[in-house]
Protein backbone atom coordinates (compact mmCIF):
# COMPACT_ATOMS: atom_id res chain seq x y z
CA MET A 1 -17.67 -77.60 87.40
CA THR A 2 -20.48 -75.41 89.68
CA GLN A 3 -19.36 -71.95 90.23
CA ARG A 4 -19.02 -70.62 93.52
CA PRO A 5 -20.88 -67.58 94.34
CA PHE A 6 -18.95 -64.49 94.80
CA LEU A 7 -18.31 -63.75 98.87
CA PRO A 8 -17.35 -60.03 99.33
CA PRO A 9 -14.68 -59.75 101.85
CA SER A 10 -15.29 -59.61 105.51
CA HIS A 11 -15.35 -56.49 107.58
CA ASP A 12 -12.00 -57.64 109.45
CA ASN A 13 -10.19 -58.76 105.89
CA VAL A 14 -11.14 -54.83 104.60
CA VAL A 15 -9.70 -53.67 107.84
CA ASN A 16 -6.61 -55.52 107.91
CA ALA A 17 -6.11 -54.33 104.26
CA ARG A 18 -6.84 -51.03 104.69
CA GLY A 19 -4.36 -51.20 107.67
CA VAL A 20 -1.45 -52.87 105.55
CA MET A 21 -1.90 -50.31 102.45
CA MET A 22 -1.51 -47.41 104.91
CA SER A 23 1.25 -49.08 106.59
CA SER A 24 3.13 -49.66 103.10
CA ALA A 25 2.06 -45.90 102.23
CA LEU A 26 3.58 -44.24 105.52
CA ASN A 27 6.96 -46.26 104.87
CA LYS A 28 7.26 -44.93 101.48
CA VAL A 29 6.56 -41.25 102.55
CA MET A 30 8.82 -41.73 105.57
CA SER A 31 11.69 -42.70 103.45
CA VAL A 32 12.11 -40.10 101.38
CA GLN A 33 14.95 -38.25 101.33
CA GLU A 34 14.56 -34.77 103.17
CA GLN A 35 14.59 -31.88 101.09
CA SER A 36 16.16 -28.57 101.87
CA TYR A 37 13.94 -25.75 102.31
CA ASP A 38 16.09 -23.93 100.04
CA ASP A 39 15.83 -26.42 97.34
CA PHE A 40 12.03 -26.56 98.06
CA LEU A 41 11.84 -23.08 97.19
CA ASN A 42 14.23 -23.05 94.04
CA SER A 43 11.93 -25.72 92.96
CA PHE A 44 9.36 -22.87 92.30
CA THR A 45 11.42 -20.59 91.51
CA TYR A 46 12.32 -22.86 88.57
CA LEU A 47 8.81 -23.33 87.37
CA SER A 48 8.44 -19.64 87.42
CA LYS A 49 10.83 -19.07 85.13
CA GLY A 50 9.63 -21.61 82.96
CA LYS A 51 8.43 -20.70 79.13
CA PHE A 52 4.83 -20.86 80.44
CA PHE A 53 5.41 -17.82 82.77
CA GLN A 54 7.00 -15.52 80.21
């Protein structure tokens, strides 16, 4: 059996793959439920009251 040499992906394939990954990442970020500003601040208050900050 003859082994075929490894061919790196073409520039177009790299660009297309990058576009697909960026689109997927953007969709994941945009589909996350919004968090209220108060909840955001409370998460830091919770951290500051933790055992590591006593």
